[in-house]
Amino acid sequence: MTGELDGRHWPVVVVGAGQAGLSMSYCLRRAGIDHLVVERDTVAHSWRHERWDTFCLVTPNWQCRLPGHPYPGDDPHGFMVRDEVVAYLEAYRALVDPPLVEGVAVTRLSRGASAGYELVTTAGTATADQVVVATGGYHRPVRPELSAPFPPSVVQVQSSHYRSPDLLPPGEVLVVGSGQSGAQIAEDLHLAGRRVHLSTGSAPRVSRFYRGRDVTDWLDELGYYDMPVTEHPRREAVRAQANHYVTGRDGGRDIDLRAHARDGMRLYGSLLDLDRPGEPTLRFKPDLAEHLDHADEVAESIKDTIDAYITRAGIDAPAEERYTPVWAPERETTELRLADTGITSVVWCIGFRTDFSWVDVPVFSGHGYPAHRRGVTDSAGLYFLGLPWQWTWGSGRFSGVARDAEHLAERVRSQRGLTRTGPRGDVCNVLAFGS
């Protein structure tokens, strides 16, 4: 499509062409609703340019089930690597064939002068009756203020800019954060033979396999991935919860930080600050043991749930010994002089912030997060899609975005007063599309 949008109008504009935006376009097309998809970069940009070289999914391939496009390969219980994920999305783009304009950023979204919405973009100002914001929930990497005092000689990168051990300067590496990205990047560096210093956080872990199956398979059978956020014990607070760390690398396995510490990785508690008077000194909270114990407790509690289900359902599953810690800190290090280490680089892995500052519509909480009910806001015709735990665990992932897109397509149709135009009399029956 042409990139010139000035003065043009669409019934629906979808902002973002990741898995959420493409899924929305698919459902809108099935509903016969004219729309435009606007993408500031290119399809699969973040997967192609913001993942490290050995990146792979931590969920099995069978969970990749975008509407109309379930995982097409022959390894459903494997884990796609970065380039395979990009190929999966590019194939989905070809299938959806969305009315798409790439390289155009929406810089302001506001209510229209009379009705609908006005979108100021880098290709002119357009209007729409309805808008779906499908940009996800991870926009800006967190880089704390304490990154400023590091000496200029220490190279600092965000997790989204880390590519491989070879692209960091020779020497030791400090990784800050032990969520999914931090744990995997620390392991990537460790396996490459680099001396790693890992400042841990409170992220939980989960075992890859238990009693003969991937834990993901057990949780799916238990209905965890179908649980709406309204029924989760933590309700909406779960949206801010750190993801469990595990890996799909080498066919899938646990990430055992205790084992890595036994083998030479240096572990610390939460990073507090870098004290610069005299010799620059890193200061850590003495909470490493607490972090490791908490991660183990969460992993074992998930096993308890699986055990109870196996017993209740009378399933014949092999018995398995529980995890035994292979390392524990004898004395926690709370201060570390940089001069006493060979640290030449820092990788910040402490999460991302949402940034909807360009959305000038009063639908946000005091923390800048959109207030919504399954993506539907109080501003008629404005929706969000692809947010973490928008409705279920899979809302921000390949596994659950389909049903959210179907739900919003129905709301869009209802708002327009359209009749159902799907091939079987429905808008976008998610069960027909592998979800």
Protein backbone atom coordinates (compact mmCIF):
# COMPACT_ATOMS: atom_id res chain seq x y z
CA MET A 1 0.00 0.00 0.00
CA THR A 2 0.99 3.59 -0.46
CA GLY A 3 2.55 5.24 2.54
CA GLU A 4 0.59 8.48 2.05
CA LEU A 5 -2.19 8.52 4.66
CA ASP A 6 -2.97 12.24 4.91
CA GLY A 7 -6.68 12.96 4.73
CA ARG A 8 -7.70 9.32 4.34
CA HIS A 9 -10.32 7.49 6.41
CA TRP A 10 -10.83 3.83 7.32
CA PRO A 11 -13.55 2.06 9.27
CA VAL A 12 -10.84 0.43 11.41
CA VAL A 13 -7.12 1.10 11.85
CA VAL A 14 -4.91 -1.50 13.54
CA VAL A 15 -1.68 -0.07 14.98
CA GLY A 16 1.10 -2.66 14.96
CA ALA A 17 1.82 -5.64 12.69
CA GLY A 18 3.28 -8.16 15.12
CA GLN A 19 1.46 -11.38 15.94
CA ALA A 20 -1.36 -9.35 17.55
CA GLY A 21 -1.88 -6.96 14.66
CA LEU A 22 -1.72 -9.70 12.03
CA SER A 23 -4.18 -11.81 14.03
CA MET A 24 -6.54 -8.84 14.24
CA SER A 25 -6.28 -8.27 10.50
CA TYR A 26 -7.06 -11.93 9.86
CA CYS A 27 -10.22 -11.79 11.97
CA LEU A 28 -11.35 -8.47 10.49
CA ARG A 29 -10.92 -9.84 6.97
CA ARG A 30 -12.93 -12.91 7.85
CA ALA A 31 -15.62 -10.54 9.14
CA GLY A 32 -15.55 -8.53 5.92
CA ILE A 33 -14.51 -5.33 7.69
CA ASP A 34 -12.40 -2.84 5.75
CA HIS A 35 -9.32 -1.79 7.70
CA LEU A 36 -5.70 -0.65 7.57
CA VAL A 37 -2.71 -2.01 9.51
CA VAL A 38 0.03 0.52 10.31
CA GLU A 39 3.50 -0.69 11.34
CA ARG A 40 6.31 1.64 12.36
CA ASP A 41 9.03 -0.84 11.36
CA THR A 42 8.48 -4.08 9.46
CA VAL A 43 6.67 -7.32 10.18
CA ALA A 44 8.67 -9.45 12.66
CA HIS A 45 11.07 -6.56 13.31
CA SER A 46 11.50 -7.21 17.03
CA TRP A 47 11.93 -10.96 16.49
CA ARG A 48 14.50 -10.36 13.78
CA HIS A 49 16.45 -7.49 15.34
CA GLU A 50 15.86 -7.62 19.10
CA ARG A 51 16.69 -11.24 19.95
CA TRP A 52 20.09 -12.79 20.54
CA ASP A 53 21.67 -15.28 18.15
CA THR A 54 20.85 -18.43 20.16
CA PHE A 55 17.36 -17.27 21.10
CA CYS A 56 14.59 -19.84 21.01
CA LEU A 57 11.05 -20.03 22.31
CA VAL A 58 10.55 -21.24 25.86
CA THR A 59 7.11 -22.62 25.01
CA PRO A 60 6.78 -25.65 22.70
CA ASN A 61 5.92 -25.18 19.07
CA TRP A 62 2.42 -26.63 19.42
CA GLN A 63 1.49 -23.49 21.33
CA CYS A 64 2.12 -21.41 18.20
CA ARG A 65 -1.44 -21.17 16.95
CA LEU A 66 -2.22 -17.85 15.40
CA PRO A 67 -5.72 -17.74 13.85
CA GLY A 68 -5.63 -19.73 10.64
CA HIS A 69 -1.96 -20.52 11.12
CA PRO A 70 -1.12 -23.27 13.63
CA TYR A 71 2.50 -24.43 13.80
CA PRO A 72 3.15 -26.06 10.39
CA GLY A 73 6.34 -28.00 11.18
CA ASP A 74 7.11 -31.58 12.17
CA ASP A 75 8.43 -30.88 15.68
CA PRO A 76 5.44 -29.76 17.77
CA HIS A 77 7.24 -30.45 21.03
CA GLY A 78 10.40 -28.65 19.96
CA PHE A 79 11.23 -24.97 20.31
CA MET A 80 11.61 -22.70 17.31
CA VAL A 81 14.82 -20.69 17.15
CA ARG A 82 14.84 -17.00 16.24
CA ASP A 83 15.01 -17.40 12.46
CA GLU A 84 12.26 -20.02 12.51
CA VAL A 85 10.02 -17.65 14.46
CA VAL A 86 10.67 -14.93 11.88
CA ALA A 87 9.82 -17.38 9.07
CA TYR A 88 6.62 -18.39 10.90
CA LEU A 89 5.50 -14.76 11.08
CA GLU A 90 6.49 -14.01 7.50
CA ALA A 91 4.44 -17.01 6.37
CA TYR A 92 1.53 -15.67 8.42
CA ARG A 93 1.85 -12.30 6.76
CA ALA A 94 1.61 -14.00 3.37
CA LEU A 95 -1.46 -15.93 4.51
CA VAL A 96 -3.26 -12.91 5.97
CA ASP A 97 -2.18 -10.57 3.17
CA PRO A 98 -3.10 -7.60 5.36
CA PRO A 99 -3.83 -4.10 4.03
CA LEU A 100 -0.52 -2.98 5.49
CA VAL A 101 1.70 0.07 5.41
CA GLU A 102 5.17 -0.38 6.94
CA GLY A 103 7.70 2.20 8.07
CA VAL A 104 4.97 4.54 9.33
CA ALA A 105 4.75 5.47 13.00
CA VAL A 106 1.62 6.72 14.73
CA THR A 107 2.78 9.66 16.84
CA ARG A 108 -0.59 10.68 18.27
CA LEU A 109 -3.99 9.05 18.63
CA SER A 110 -6.89 11.18 19.81
CA ARG A 111 -10.64 11.47 19.51
CA GLY A 112 -11.81 12.95 16.23
CA ALA A 113 -13.37 16.40 15.92
CA SER A 114 -16.85 14.96 15.40
CA ALA A 115 -16.62 11.19 15.94
CA GLY A 116 -14.16 8.37 15.71
CA TYR A 117 -10.41 8.88 16.03
CA GLU A 118 -7.63 10.94 14.50
CA LEU A 119 -4.21 9.37 13.94
CA VAL A 120 -1.25 11.64 13.38
CA THR A 121 1.43 9.60 11.62
CA THR A 122 4.75 10.12 9.92
CA ALA A 123 2.85 9.79 6.64
CA GLY A 124 0.13 12.30 7.36
CA THR A 125 -3.04 12.50 9.44
CA ALA A 126 -5.74 9.87 8.95
CA THR A 127 -9.05 9.15 10.66
CA ALA A 128 -10.86 5.97 11.68
CA ASP A 129 -14.17 4.98 13.17
CA GLN A 130 -12.44 2.44 15.40
CA VAL A 131 -8.84 1.73 16.40
CA VAL A 132 -7.12 -1.38 17.71
CA VAL A 133 -3.80 -0.70 19.45
CA ALA A 134 -1.88 -3.94 18.86
CA THR A 135 1.60 -2.88 19.94
CA GLY A 136 1.87 -5.30 22.87
CA GLY A 137 3.05 -4.31 26.31
CA TYR A 138 6.85 -4.32 26.16
CA HIS A 139 8.00 -1.03 24.65
CA ARG A 140 10.96 0.53 26.42
CA PRO A 141 13.70 -1.46 28.17
CA VAL A 142 14.29 -0.44 31.77
CA ARG A 143 17.71 1.07 32.41
CA PRO A 144 18.04 2.27 35.99
CA GLU A 145 19.70 5.46 37.11
CA LEU A 146 22.55 3.47 38.64
CA SER A 147 23.75 2.69 35.11
CA ALA A 148 25.09 6.26 34.89
CA PRO A 149 27.99 5.95 37.36
CA PHE A 150 29.66 3.06 35.53
CA PRO A 151 33.06 4.02 34.10
CA PRO A 152 33.03 4.83 30.35
CA SER A 153 35.33 1.85 29.81
CA VAL A 154 32.49 -0.53 30.74
CA VAL A 155 30.21 -1.26 27.77
CA GLN A 156 26.51 -1.33 28.68
CA VAL A 157 23.76 -2.91 26.55
CA GLN A 158 20.08 -3.70 27.01
CA SER A 159 18.85 -7.27 26.68
CA SER A 160 17.15 -6.35 23.38
CA HIS A 161 20.55 -5.27 22.00
CA TYR A 162 22.53 -8.29 23.17
CA ARG A 163 23.43 -10.60 20.28
CA SER A 164 26.26 -12.96 21.24
CA PRO A 165 29.25 -13.30 23.59
CA ASP A 166 31.62 -12.53 20.70
CA LEU A 167 30.14 -9.07 20.20
CA LEU A 168 30.89 -7.99 23.76
CA PRO A 169 34.43 -6.86 24.58
CA PRO A 170 36.76 -9.54 26.00
CA GLY A 171 36.51 -9.89 29.76
CA GLU A 172 33.96 -10.67 32.41
CA VAL A 173 30.28 -9.73 32.09
CA LEU A 174 27.81 -8.47 34.67
CA VAL A 175 24.23 -9.49 33.89
CA VAL A 176 21.60 -7.66 35.92
CA GLY A 177 18.28 -9.48 36.26
CA SER A 178 17.36 -13.15 36.34
CA GLY A 179 14.01 -13.25 34.58
CA GLN A 180 13.59 -15.11 31.30
CA SER A 181 15.99 -12.94 29.31
CA GLY A 182 18.52 -12.46 32.10
CA ALA A 183 18.75 -16.15 32.98
CA GLN A 184 19.05 -17.19 29.33
CA ILE A 185 21.62 -14.52 28.44
CA ALA A 186 23.69 -15.33 31.53
CA GLU A 187 23.60 -18.99 30.51
CA ASP A 188 24.51 -18.13 26.91
CA LEU A 189 27.59 -16.27 28.11
CA HIS A 190 28.46 -18.98 30.65
CA LEU A 191 28.25 -21.77 28.07
CA ALA A 192 30.51 -19.74 25.78
CA GLY A 193 33.19 -19.77 28.48
CA ARG A 194 32.77 -16.20 29.70
CA ARG A 195 33.05 -15.38 33.41
CA VAL A 196 29.57 -14.21 34.35
CA HIS A 197 28.51 -12.16 37.36
CA LEU A 198 24.71 -12.43 37.71
CA SER A 199 22.73 -10.07 39.93
CA THR A 200 19.56 -12.03 40.61
CA GLY A 201 16.00 -10.88 41.09
CA SER A 202 12.83 -12.44 42.42
CA ALA A 203 11.75 -14.18 39.20
CA PRO A 204 10.48 -17.73 39.74
CA ARG A 205 11.62 -20.74 37.76
CA VAL A 206 9.83 -23.77 36.37
CA SER A 207 11.10 -27.22 35.44
CA ARG A 208 11.11 -28.07 31.76
CA PHE A 209 10.02 -31.69 32.16
CA TYR A 210 8.33 -33.59 34.94
CA ARG A 211 6.98 -37.11 35.17
CA GLY A 212 7.44 -37.92 31.52
CA ARG A 213 6.11 -34.75 29.90
CA ASP A 214 6.91 -31.12 29.32
CA VAL A 215 5.46 -29.16 32.23
CA THR A 216 3.69 -27.00 29.64
CA ASP A 217 1.72 -30.06 28.51
CA TRP A 218 0.61 -30.77 32.07
CA LEU A 219 -0.41 -27.15 32.66
CA ASP A 220 -2.36 -27.11 29.41
CA GLU A 221 -4.21 -30.27 30.43
CA LEU A 222 -4.94 -28.68 33.80
CA GLY A 223 -6.60 -25.76 32.01
CA TYR A 224 -4.11 -23.16 33.22
CA TYR A 225 -3.74 -21.55 29.82
CA ASP A 226 -7.50 -21.14 29.49
CA MET A 227 -7.89 -19.44 32.89
CA PRO A 228 -9.10 -15.85 32.48
CA VAL A 229 -7.36 -13.18 34.48
CA THR A 230 -10.57 -12.62 36.44
CA GLU A 231 -10.23 -16.14 37.91
CA HIS A 232 -6.49 -16.06 38.60
CA PRO A 233 -5.67 -15.99 42.35
CA ARG A 234 -3.75 -12.73 41.86
CA ARG A 235 -6.32 -11.21 39.51
CA GLU A 236 -4.91 -8.28 37.52
CA ALA A 237 -1.76 -8.16 39.66
CA VAL A 238 -0.53 -11.18 37.70
CA ARG A 239 0.11 -8.87 34.74
CA ALA A 240 3.13 -7.44 36.55
CA GLN A 241 4.47 -10.83 37.60
CA ALA A 242 7.90 -11.85 36.29
CA ASN A 243 7.90 -14.78 33.91
CA HIS A 244 9.30 -18.12 35.08
CA TYR A 245 12.76 -18.80 33.70
CA VAL A 246 13.38 -21.97 31.73
CA THR A 247 14.80 -22.65 28.26
CA GLY A 248 13.95 -24.42 25.03
CA ARG A 249 17.64 -24.59 24.13
CA ASP A 250 19.06 -27.97 23.12
CA GLY A 251 15.61 -29.52 23.01
CA GLY A 252 14.51 -27.92 26.25
CA ARG A 253 15.85 -28.11 29.80
CA ASP A 254 15.89 -26.38 33.16
CA ILE A 255 18.00 -23.32 33.83
CA ASP A 256 19.62 -24.22 37.14
CA LEU A 257 21.44 -21.16 38.46
CA ARG A 258 22.74 -23.20 41.39
CA ALA A 259 24.46 -25.59 38.99
CA HIS A 260 25.92 -22.68 37.04
CA ALA A 261 27.24 -21.19 40.29
CA ARG A 262 28.80 -24.55 41.17
CA ASP A 263 30.50 -24.44 37.77
CA GLY A 264 31.89 -20.94 38.09
CA MET A 265 29.14 -18.37 37.54
CA ARG A 266 29.19 -15.72 40.28
CA LEU A 267 25.76 -15.04 41.80
CA TYR A 268 24.67 -12.02 43.85
CA GLY A 269 21.49 -10.57 45.25
CA SER A 270 19.70 -7.51 43.90
CA LEU A 271 21.98 -4.73 42.63
CA LEU A 272 21.55 -1.65 44.83
CA ASP A 273 24.03 0.87 43.46
CA LEU A 274 27.51 1.62 42.23
CA ASP A 275 29.40 3.66 44.80
CA ARG A 276 31.98 5.79 42.98
CA PRO A 277 33.98 7.63 45.68
CA GLY A 278 37.46 6.17 45.59
CA GLU A 279 37.24 2.80 43.88
CA PRO A 280 33.91 2.08 42.08
CA THR A 281 32.14 -0.56 44.15
CA LEU A 282 29.03 -2.57 43.31
CA ARG A 283 26.67 -3.03 46.23
CA PHE A 284 24.13 -5.86 46.44
CA LYS A 285 21.31 -6.75 48.80
CA PRO A 286 21.94 -9.92 50.82
CA ASP A 287 18.92 -11.65 49.23
CA LEU A 288 20.56 -14.19 46.92
CA ALA A 289 19.60 -17.20 49.05
CA GLU A 290 16.06 -15.84 49.28
CA HIS A 291 15.85 -15.52 45.49
CA LEU A 292 17.16 -19.04 44.85
CA ASP A 293 14.91 -20.58 47.48
CA HIS A 294 11.86 -18.76 46.17
CA ALA A 295 12.56 -19.88 42.60
CA ASP A 296 12.88 -23.49 43.78
CA GLU A 297 9.72 -23.27 45.88
CA VAL A 298 7.68 -22.08 42.90
CA ALA A 299 9.05 -24.85 40.67
CA GLU A 300 8.29 -27.48 43.31
CA SER A 301 4.80 -26.10 43.96
CA ILE A 302 4.00 -26.55 40.26
CA LYS A 303 5.12 -30.16 40.59
CA ASP A 304 2.82 -30.53 43.61
CA THR A 305 -0.08 -29.38 41.46
CA ILE A 306 0.85 -31.86 38.74
CA ASP A 307 1.21 -34.70 41.25
CA ALA A 308 -2.23 -33.97 42.68
CA TYR A 309 -3.75 -33.94 39.19
CA ILE A 310 -2.09 -37.24 38.25
CA THR A 311 -3.43 -38.87 41.42
CA ARG A 312 -6.89 -37.39 41.02
CA ALA A 313 -7.19 -38.42 37.37
CA GLY A 314 -5.60 -41.84 37.86
CA ILE A 315 -2.96 -41.17 35.20
CA ASP A 316 -0.17 -43.71 34.73
CA ALA A 317 2.88 -41.44 34.79
CA PRO A 318 6.43 -42.37 35.77
CA ALA A 319 7.58 -41.38 39.24
CA GLU A 320 10.32 -38.79 39.48
CA GLU A 321 12.63 -37.67 42.24
CA ARG A 322 12.27 -34.07 43.34
CA TYR A 323 14.97 -31.46 42.81
CA THR A 324 17.89 -31.41 45.22
CA PRO A 325 19.85 -28.14 45.37
CA VAL A 326 23.41 -28.64 44.15
CA TRP A 327 24.79 -25.37 45.50
CA ALA A 328 23.98 -22.74 48.11
CA PRO A 329 25.79 -19.53 49.02
CA GLU A 330 27.93 -19.96 52.14
CA ARG A 331 28.31 -16.21 52.56
CA GLU A 332 26.67 -13.62 50.34
CA THR A 333 28.80 -11.00 48.64
CA THR A 334 27.29 -7.56 49.20
CA GLU A 335 30.18 -5.43 47.93
CA LEU A 336 32.36 -5.95 44.87
CA ARG A 337 35.10 -3.53 43.80
CA LEU A 338 35.17 -3.28 40.02
CA ALA A 339 38.97 -3.15 40.17
CA ASP A 340 38.95 -6.63 41.71
CA THR A 341 37.08 -8.06 38.72
CA GLY A 342 37.60 -8.23 35.00
CA ILE A 343 34.14 -6.84 34.25
CA THR A 344 34.19 -5.02 30.92
CA SER A 345 30.49 -5.06 30.04
CA VAL A 346 27.03 -5.01 31.60
CA VAL A 347 23.85 -6.49 30.15
CA TRP A 348 20.70 -4.96 31.66
CA CYS A 349 17.85 -7.48 31.81
CA ILE A 350 15.39 -5.87 34.20
CA GLY A 351 12.32 -5.72 32.04
CA PHE A 352 10.39 -3.31 29.86
CA ARG A 353 7.96 -0.49 30.44
CA THR A 354 4.82 0.20 28.48
CA ASP A 355 4.78 3.47 26.57
CA PHE A 356 1.38 4.62 25.39
CA SER A 357 2.27 8.29 25.65
CA TRP A 358 1.17 8.72 22.04
CA VAL A 359 -2.39 7.65 22.89
CA ASP A 360 -4.15 10.88 23.89
CA VAL A 361 -7.40 9.30 25.03
CA PRO A 362 -8.35 9.11 28.74
CA VAL A 363 -8.37 5.32 29.15
CA PHE A 364 -5.33 4.83 31.39
CA SER A 365 -4.72 4.06 35.02
CA GLY A 366 -2.47 6.22 37.16
CA HIS A 367 0.46 4.01 36.12
CA GLY A 368 -0.07 4.59 32.40
CA TYR A 369 -1.56 1.14 31.78
CA PRO A 370 -4.75 0.95 29.71
CA ALA A 371 -7.91 0.25 31.70
CA HIS A 372 -9.87 -2.34 29.77
CA ARG A 373 -12.08 -5.39 29.92
CA ARG A 374 -10.51 -7.99 27.66
CA GLY A 375 -9.09 -5.24 25.47
CA VAL A 376 -12.27 -3.17 25.34
CA THR A 377 -11.92 0.33 26.79
CA ASP A 378 -14.53 2.83 27.98
CA SER A 379 -13.82 4.96 24.91
CA ALA A 380 -16.20 3.54 22.31
CA GLY A 381 -14.32 2.01 19.41
CA LEU A 382 -10.87 1.95 21.05
CA TYR A 383 -9.35 -1.44 21.81
CA PHE A 384 -6.04 -2.97 22.90
CA LEU A 385 -4.64 -6.33 21.82
CA GLY A 386 -1.58 -8.39 22.70
CA LEU A 387 -1.12 -7.16 26.27
CA PRO A 388 0.35 -9.58 28.83
CA TRP A 389 -2.50 -11.40 30.58
CA GLN A 390 -4.99 -9.29 28.65
CA TRP A 391 -7.42 -12.15 29.20
CA THR A 392 -5.37 -15.33 29.65
CA TRP A 393 -1.71 -16.27 30.09
CA GLY A 394 -1.33 -16.54 26.31
CA SER A 395 -2.79 -13.14 25.42
CA GLY A 396 0.62 -11.60 24.74
CA ARG A 397 1.94 -14.76 23.09
CA PHE A 398 1.37 -16.95 20.05
CA SER A 399 -0.89 -19.25 22.04
CA GLY A 400 -3.74 -17.03 23.17
CA VAL A 401 -3.87 -13.94 20.99
CA ALA A 402 -6.26 -15.63 18.53
CA ARG A 403 -9.22 -15.77 20.88
CA ASP A 404 -8.61 -12.19 21.99
CA ALA A 405 -8.56 -11.04 18.36
CA GLU A 406 -11.76 -12.98 17.71
CA HIS A 407 -13.40 -11.31 20.69
CA LEU A 408 -12.40 -7.84 19.51
CA ALA A 409 -13.47 -8.55 15.94
CA GLU A 410 -16.92 -9.34 17.30
CA ARG A 411 -16.93 -6.09 19.27
CA VAL A 412 -15.86 -4.13 16.19
CA ARG A 413 -18.60 -5.80 14.18
CA SER A 414 -21.19 -5.04 16.85
CA GLN A 415 -20.07 -1.44 17.02
CA ARG A 416 -20.55 -1.11 13.28
CA GLY A 417 -23.85 -2.96 13.28
CA LEU A 418 -22.57 -5.44 10.72
CA THR A 419 -23.95 -8.93 10.23
CA ARG A 420 -21.71 -11.92 10.63
CA THR A 421 -19.91 -12.71 7.41
CA GLY A 422 -17.66 -15.63 8.32
CA PRO A 423 -17.67 -18.76 6.15
CA ARG A 424 -19.76 -20.67 8.70
CA GLY A 425 -21.86 -17.76 9.92
CA ASP A 426 -19.38 -16.57 12.51
CA VAL A 427 -16.82 -13.79 12.68
CA CYS A 428 -13.71 -15.75 13.52
CA ASN A 429 -14.40 -19.10 15.17
CA VAL A 430 -11.18 -19.70 17.02
CA LEU A 431 -11.75 -23.44 17.30
CA ALA A 432 -11.61 -23.69 13.52
CA PHE A 433 -8.16 -22.15 13.45
CA GLY A 434 -6.20 -24.42 15.73
CA SER A 435 -6.65 -22.45 18.95
